[in-house]
């Protein structure tokens, strides 16, 4: 091999190594960003699920307390029917 051929061969090998290292670093950076985004999305979804459960539980408990405390239209209707029945069947 001549000196010029050796120099060209070394130059192309150096470009190959630089390109290969750039590809590996690029894959690492893209992978790290993907993992970060995936973690952020799952965290947001987790908070949304917990928030929905808390709000749903609050609505459920509010409904139970409201029904347990007071006179709803249905309860007043039943009481009126019972009073009418008692008056008829004295």
N, C-alpha and C. Protein backbone atom coordinates (compact mmCIF):
# COMPACT_ATOMS: atom_id res chain seq x y z
N UNK A 1 0.83 -1.17 0.00
CA UNK A 1 0.00 0.00 0.00
C UNK A 1 0.89 1.25 0.00
N UNK A 2 0.46 2.19 -0.75
CA UNK A 2 1.24 3.43 -0.80
C UNK A 2 0.85 4.31 0.38
N UNK A 3 1.59 5.34 0.60
CA UNK A 3 1.34 6.24 1.72
C UNK A 3 0.01 6.95 1.56
N UNK A 4 -0.33 7.31 0.34
CA UNK A 4 -1.59 8.01 0.09
C UNK A 4 -2.76 7.06 0.33
N UNK A 5 -2.64 5.81 -0.09
CA UNK A 5 -3.71 4.83 0.10
C UNK A 5 -3.92 4.54 1.58
N UNK A 6 -2.79 4.46 2.33
CA UNK A 6 -2.91 4.24 3.77
C UNK A 6 -3.61 5.41 4.45
N UNK A 7 -3.31 6.60 4.03
CA UNK A 7 -3.92 7.79 4.61
C UNK A 7 -5.42 7.83 4.31
N UNK A 8 -5.81 7.49 3.08
CA UNK A 8 -7.23 7.46 2.73
C UNK A 8 -7.97 6.40 3.52
N UNK A 9 -7.32 5.22 3.68
CA UNK A 9 -7.93 4.13 4.45
C UNK A 9 -8.12 4.54 5.91
N UNK A 10 -7.15 5.19 6.50
CA UNK A 10 -7.25 5.64 7.89
C UNK A 10 -8.33 6.71 8.02
N UNK A 11 -8.45 7.59 7.04
CA UNK A 11 -9.46 8.64 7.08
C UNK A 11 -10.87 8.07 6.99
N UNK A 12 -11.06 7.07 6.13
CA UNK A 12 -12.40 6.48 6.01
C UNK A 12 -12.75 5.68 7.26
N UNK A 13 -11.74 5.07 7.87
CA UNK A 13 -11.99 4.33 9.10
C UNK A 13 -12.36 5.28 10.23
N UNK A 14 -11.72 6.43 10.28
CA UNK A 14 -12.04 7.43 11.30
C UNK A 14 -13.45 7.98 11.11
N UNK A 15 -13.84 8.20 9.86
CA UNK A 15 -15.21 8.67 9.60
C UNK A 15 -16.23 7.61 10.00
N UNK A 16 -15.89 6.34 9.75
CA UNK A 16 -16.80 5.26 10.16
C UNK A 16 -16.97 5.22 11.67
N UNK A 17 -15.86 5.34 12.41
CA UNK A 17 -15.94 5.32 13.87
C UNK A 17 -16.74 6.51 14.40
N UNK A 18 -16.51 7.69 13.84
CA UNK A 18 -17.26 8.87 14.27
C UNK A 18 -18.74 8.68 13.98
N UNK A 19 -19.08 8.14 12.80
CA UNK A 19 -20.48 7.89 12.45
C UNK A 19 -21.12 6.86 13.37
N UNK A 20 -20.39 5.78 13.67
CA UNK A 20 -20.92 4.73 14.54
C UNK A 20 -21.14 5.27 15.96
N UNK A 21 -20.21 6.05 16.45
CA UNK A 21 -20.36 6.64 17.78
C UNK A 21 -21.54 7.61 17.80
N UNK A 22 -21.70 8.38 16.73
CA UNK A 22 -22.83 9.32 16.65
C UNK A 22 -24.16 8.57 16.66
N UNK A 23 -24.22 7.44 15.96
CA UNK A 23 -25.44 6.63 15.95
C UNK A 23 -25.74 6.09 17.35
N UNK A 24 -24.75 5.58 18.03
CA UNK A 24 -24.95 5.03 19.37
C UNK A 24 -25.39 6.13 20.34
N UNK A 25 -24.74 7.27 20.29
CA UNK A 25 -25.12 8.39 21.17
C UNK A 25 -26.53 8.87 20.84
N UNK A 26 -26.85 8.95 19.55
CA UNK A 26 -28.19 9.36 19.14
C UNK A 26 -29.25 8.39 19.64
N UNK A 27 -28.99 7.10 19.52
CA UNK A 27 -29.94 6.10 20.03
C UNK A 27 -30.11 6.21 21.55
N UNK A 28 -29.01 6.47 22.24
CA UNK A 28 -29.08 6.63 23.69
C UNK A 28 -29.94 7.83 24.07
N UNK A 29 -29.72 8.95 23.40
CA UNK A 29 -30.48 10.17 23.70
C UNK A 29 -31.96 9.97 23.39
N UNK A 30 -32.27 9.39 22.24
CA UNK A 30 -33.67 9.15 21.88
C UNK A 30 -34.32 8.19 22.87
N UNK A 31 -33.61 7.15 23.27
CA UNK A 31 -34.14 6.20 24.25
C UNK A 31 -34.40 6.86 25.59
N UNK A 32 -33.48 7.71 26.03
CA UNK A 32 -33.65 8.40 27.31
C UNK A 32 -34.86 9.33 27.27
N UNK A 33 -35.03 10.03 26.16
CA UNK A 33 -36.19 10.92 26.02
C UNK A 33 -37.48 10.11 26.00
N UNK A 34 -37.47 8.97 25.29
CA UNK A 34 -38.67 8.13 25.22
C UNK A 34 -39.04 7.60 26.59
N UNK A 35 -38.06 7.17 27.37
CA UNK A 35 -38.35 6.67 28.72
C UNK A 35 -38.90 7.80 29.59
N UNK A 36 -38.35 8.99 29.48
CA UNK A 36 -38.84 10.13 30.27
C UNK A 36 -40.28 10.47 29.91
N UNK A 37 -40.59 10.50 28.60
CA UNK A 37 -41.95 10.82 28.16
C UNK A 37 -42.92 9.73 28.61
N UNK A 38 -42.53 8.47 28.47
CA UNK A 38 -43.38 7.35 28.88
C UNK A 38 -43.67 7.43 30.38
N UNK A 39 -42.67 7.73 31.18
CA UNK A 39 -42.86 7.86 32.63
C UNK A 39 -43.80 9.02 32.94
N UNK A 40 -43.63 10.14 32.26
CA UNK A 40 -44.48 11.31 32.50
C UNK A 40 -45.94 11.02 32.14
N UNK A 41 -46.15 10.34 31.02
CA UNK A 41 -47.52 10.01 30.60
C UNK A 41 -48.17 9.06 31.59
N UNK A 42 -47.43 8.04 32.03
CA UNK A 42 -48.00 7.10 33.01
C UNK A 42 -48.28 7.79 34.33
N UNK A 43 -47.45 8.71 34.74
CA UNK A 43 -47.70 9.43 35.98
C UNK A 43 -48.97 10.26 35.88
N UNK A 44 -49.14 10.94 34.76
CA UNK A 44 -50.35 11.75 34.57
C UNK A 44 -51.57 10.86 34.57
N UNK A 45 -51.50 9.72 33.88
CA UNK A 45 -52.64 8.80 33.86
C UNK A 45 -52.94 8.28 35.26
N UNK A 46 -51.91 7.99 36.03
CA UNK A 46 -52.12 7.54 37.40
C UNK A 46 -52.83 8.58 38.25
N UNK A 47 -52.39 9.84 38.13
CA UNK A 47 -53.04 10.91 38.88
C UNK A 47 -54.49 11.11 38.43
N UNK A 48 -54.74 10.98 37.13
CA UNK A 48 -56.11 11.11 36.63
C UNK A 48 -57.01 10.01 37.17
N UNK A 49 -56.50 8.79 37.22
CA UNK A 49 -57.29 7.67 37.74
C UNK A 49 -57.59 7.87 39.22
N UNK A 50 -56.59 8.25 39.99
CA UNK A 50 -56.80 8.48 41.42
C UNK A 50 -57.78 9.63 41.63
N UNK A 51 -57.64 10.71 40.86
CA UNK A 51 -58.56 11.83 40.97
C UNK A 51 -59.98 11.43 40.63
N UNK A 52 -60.16 10.63 39.58
CA UNK A 52 -61.50 10.17 39.19
C UNK A 52 -62.11 9.30 40.29
N UNK A 53 -61.30 8.45 40.90
CA UNK A 53 -61.81 7.61 42.00
C UNK A 53 -62.23 8.45 43.20
N UNK A 54 -61.45 9.46 43.52
CA UNK A 54 -61.78 10.33 44.65
C UNK A 54 -63.07 11.10 44.38
N UNK A 55 -63.19 11.67 43.19
CA UNK A 55 -64.40 12.43 42.85
C UNK A 55 -65.61 11.50 42.80
N UNK A 56 -65.46 10.33 42.19
CA UNK A 56 -66.56 9.36 42.13
C UNK A 56 -66.98 8.90 43.52
N UNK A 57 -66.03 8.67 44.39
CA UNK A 57 -66.35 8.27 45.76
C UNK A 57 -67.06 9.39 46.51
N UNK A 58 -66.63 10.62 46.27
CA UNK A 58 -67.30 11.76 46.91
C UNK A 58 -68.74 11.90 46.45
N UNK A 59 -68.97 11.73 45.15
CA UNK A 59 -70.34 11.80 44.63
C UNK A 59 -71.19 10.67 45.21
N UNK A 60 -70.62 9.48 45.29
CA UNK A 60 -71.35 8.34 45.85
C UNK A 60 -71.72 8.60 47.31
N UNK A 61 -70.75 9.07 48.09
CA UNK A 61 -71.02 9.33 49.51
C UNK A 61 -72.02 10.48 49.69
N UNK A 62 -71.94 11.50 48.85
CA UNK A 62 -72.90 12.60 48.92
C UNK A 62 -74.31 12.09 48.64
N UNK A 63 -74.45 11.24 47.64
CA UNK A 63 -75.76 10.68 47.33
C UNK A 63 -76.30 9.83 48.46
N UNK A 64 -75.45 9.01 49.06
CA UNK A 64 -75.88 8.17 50.19
C UNK A 64 -76.31 9.03 51.37
N UNK A 65 -75.55 10.07 51.67
CA UNK A 65 -75.89 10.94 52.80
C UNK A 65 -77.18 11.71 52.52
N UNK A 66 -77.34 12.17 51.31
CA UNK A 66 -78.54 12.92 50.97
C UNK A 66 -79.78 12.03 51.07
N UNK A 67 -79.67 10.80 50.58
CA UNK A 67 -80.81 9.88 50.68
C UNK A 67 -81.09 9.49 52.12
N UNK A 68 -80.04 9.35 52.90
CA UNK A 68 -80.20 8.93 54.29
C UNK A 68 -80.78 10.02 55.17
N UNK A 69 -80.51 11.27 54.83
CA UNK A 69 -80.94 12.37 55.69
C UNK A 69 -82.37 12.81 55.46
N UNK A 70 -82.75 12.87 54.23
CA UNK A 70 -83.92 13.68 54.05
C UNK A 70 -85.06 13.07 53.31
N UNK A 71 -86.00 13.94 53.14
CA UNK A 71 -87.21 13.54 52.48
C UNK A 71 -87.06 13.82 51.00
N UNK A 72 -86.93 12.77 50.28
CA UNK A 72 -86.91 12.91 48.83
C UNK A 72 -88.34 12.86 48.33
N UNK A 73 -88.53 13.17 47.10
CA UNK A 73 -89.88 13.17 46.53
C UNK A 73 -90.49 11.78 46.64
N UNK A 74 -89.70 10.78 46.39
CA UNK A 74 -90.19 9.41 46.46
C UNK A 74 -90.58 9.04 47.89
N UNK A 75 -89.78 9.46 48.85
CA UNK A 75 -90.07 9.15 50.25
C UNK A 75 -91.35 9.85 50.70
N UNK A 76 -91.53 11.11 50.30
CA UNK A 76 -92.77 11.83 50.64
C UNK A 76 -93.98 11.17 50.00
N UNK A 77 -93.84 10.68 48.78
CA UNK A 77 -94.93 9.99 48.10
C UNK A 77 -95.30 8.71 48.84
N UNK A 78 -94.31 7.97 49.30
CA UNK A 78 -94.59 6.74 50.04
C UNK A 78 -95.26 7.04 51.38
N UNK A 79 -94.78 8.09 52.06
CA UNK A 79 -95.40 8.46 53.34
C UNK A 79 -96.84 8.92 53.14
N UNK A 80 -97.12 9.65 52.08
CA UNK A 80 -98.50 10.09 51.81
C UNK A 80 -99.38 8.88 51.51
N UNK A 81 -98.87 7.93 50.76
CA UNK A 81 -99.63 6.71 50.47
C UNK A 81 -99.90 5.92 51.73
N UNK A 82 -98.93 5.84 52.62
CA UNK A 82 -99.11 5.12 53.89
C UNK A 82 -100.14 5.82 54.76
N UNK A 83 -100.11 7.15 54.81
CA UNK A 83 -101.10 7.90 55.59
C UNK A 83 -102.50 7.68 55.03
N UNK A 84 -102.62 7.69 53.71
CA UNK A 84 -103.93 7.44 53.08
C UNK A 84 -104.40 6.03 53.41
N UNK A 85 -103.53 5.05 53.35
CA UNK A 85 -103.90 3.68 53.63
C UNK A 85 -104.35 3.53 55.08
N UNK A 86 -103.64 4.22 56.01
CA UNK A 86 -103.99 4.14 57.43
C UNK A 86 -105.37 4.77 57.68
N UNK A 87 -105.69 5.86 57.02
CA UNK A 87 -106.99 6.49 57.18
C UNK A 87 -108.12 5.63 56.65
N UNK A 88 -107.92 4.95 55.57
CA UNK A 88 -108.94 4.09 54.98
C UNK A 88 -109.15 2.83 55.81
N UNK A 89 -108.10 2.35 56.42
CA UNK A 89 -108.18 1.05 57.11
C UNK A 89 -108.19 1.23 58.63
N UNK A 90 -108.90 2.21 59.16
CA UNK A 90 -108.97 2.38 60.61
C UNK A 90 -109.94 1.44 61.23
